[in-house]
Amino acid sequence: MSKKMPLLKTFRENVTRRITEAGLSNTAVARVAGIHRVTLQKILSDDSEYEPSFAMCEKLAAALGFSDPEDAFQKTFRRRKKTA
């Protein structure tokens, strides 16, 4: 992963989580976002050197229902359930 865009990892994690939680396919998400499926795969791949533009990230965030595109770049801290 490129060191030029450290927030890209967080973005990938948040987008992947939204896709999984919504039970959507990458093809469906790409179609709604107006991007090619292969491009989405490159964005979501940890191995990819592909760095999407902010405009493309905005399209994805909107397609996945983020209220503000910048929210897709925010780290979310989930509380862990306490075990006995």
Protein backbone atom coordinates (compact mmCIF):
# COMPACT_ATOMS: atom_id res chain seq x y z
CA MET A 1 0.00 0.00 0.00
CA SER A 2 1.23 3.45 -0.79
CA LYS A 3 2.48 5.68 1.98
CA LYS A 4 1.20 8.74 0.12
CA MET A 5 -2.39 8.18 1.25
CA PRO A 6 -2.44 6.75 4.79
CA LEU A 7 -6.18 7.31 5.09
CA LEU A 8 -6.77 4.94 2.19
CA LYS A 9 -6.51 1.92 4.49
CA THR A 10 -9.24 3.30 6.75
CA PHE A 11 -11.35 4.15 3.72
CA ARG A 12 -10.96 0.60 2.37
CA GLU A 13 -11.92 -0.90 5.73
CA ASN A 14 -15.01 1.31 6.08
CA VAL A 15 -16.18 0.72 2.51
CA THR A 16 -15.62 -3.03 2.78
CA ARG A 17 -17.53 -3.11 6.09
CA ARG A 18 -20.48 -1.21 4.55
CA ILE A 19 -20.59 -3.52 1.54
CA THR A 20 -20.53 -6.60 3.78
CA GLU A 21 -23.11 -5.25 6.23
CA ALA A 22 -25.45 -4.32 3.39
CA GLY A 23 -25.00 -7.70 1.73
CA LEU A 24 -24.14 -6.09 -1.59
CA SER A 25 -21.90 -7.35 -4.34
CA ASN A 26 -18.98 -5.29 -5.56
CA THR A 27 -20.63 -5.24 -8.97
CA ALA A 28 -23.80 -3.67 -7.55
CA VAL A 29 -21.86 -1.08 -5.57
CA ALA A 30 -19.71 -0.18 -8.57
CA ARG A 31 -22.81 0.22 -10.74
CA VAL A 32 -24.52 2.55 -8.24
CA ALA A 33 -21.31 4.55 -7.76
CA GLY A 34 -20.84 4.86 -11.50
CA ILE A 35 -17.41 3.27 -11.55
CA HIS A 36 -16.08 0.11 -13.15
CA ARG A 37 -16.10 -3.08 -11.06
CA VAL A 38 -12.38 -3.61 -11.65
CA THR A 39 -11.68 -0.10 -10.40
CA LEU A 40 -13.60 -0.89 -7.21
CA GLN A 41 -11.57 -4.06 -6.77
CA LYS A 42 -8.36 -2.04 -7.13
CA ILE A 43 -9.56 0.48 -4.55
CA LEU A 44 -10.44 -2.25 -2.05
CA SER A 45 -7.34 -4.37 -2.58
CA ASP A 46 -4.66 -4.07 0.12
CA ASP A 47 -2.09 -5.05 -2.50
CA SER A 48 -3.05 -2.37 -4.97
CA GLU A 49 -0.97 0.73 -5.57
CA TYR A 50 -4.07 2.37 -7.05
CA GLU A 51 -4.90 5.68 -5.42
CA PRO A 52 -8.43 6.85 -6.23
CA SER A 53 -9.25 10.52 -6.54
CA PHE A 54 -11.29 12.14 -3.81
CA ALA A 55 -14.12 12.52 -6.34
CA MET A 56 -14.17 8.75 -6.85
CA CYS A 57 -14.14 8.21 -3.09
CA GLU A 58 -17.08 10.61 -2.82
CA LYS A 59 -19.04 8.56 -5.36
CA LEU A 60 -18.39 5.37 -3.41
CA ALA A 61 -19.26 6.97 -0.08
CA ALA A 62 -22.53 8.29 -1.49
CA ALA A 63 -23.39 4.93 -3.04
CA LEU A 64 -22.89 3.28 0.35
CA GLY A 65 -24.93 5.82 2.29
CA PHE A 66 -22.27 7.71 4.19
CA SER A 67 -23.91 10.98 5.25
CA ASP A 68 -20.68 12.87 4.58
CA PRO A 69 -17.99 11.48 2.26
CA GLU A 70 -15.32 12.37 4.80
CA ASP A 71 -16.95 9.96 7.27
CA ALA A 72 -15.69 7.11 5.11
CA PHE A 73 -12.13 8.17 6.03
CA GLN A 74 -12.74 8.29 9.78
CA LYS A 75 -11.55 5.55 12.08
CA THR A 76 -14.41 4.02 13.94
CA PHE A 77 -13.80 2.54 17.32
CA ARG A 78 -16.13 -0.27 18.16
CA ARG A 79 -16.56 -1.32 21.73
CA ARG A 80 -15.62 -4.86 22.38
CA LYS A 81 -18.05 -6.94 24.30
CA LYS A 82 -16.78 -7.89 27.70
CA THR A 83 -16.40 -11.58 28.28
CA ALA A 84 -16.91 -13.12 31.67
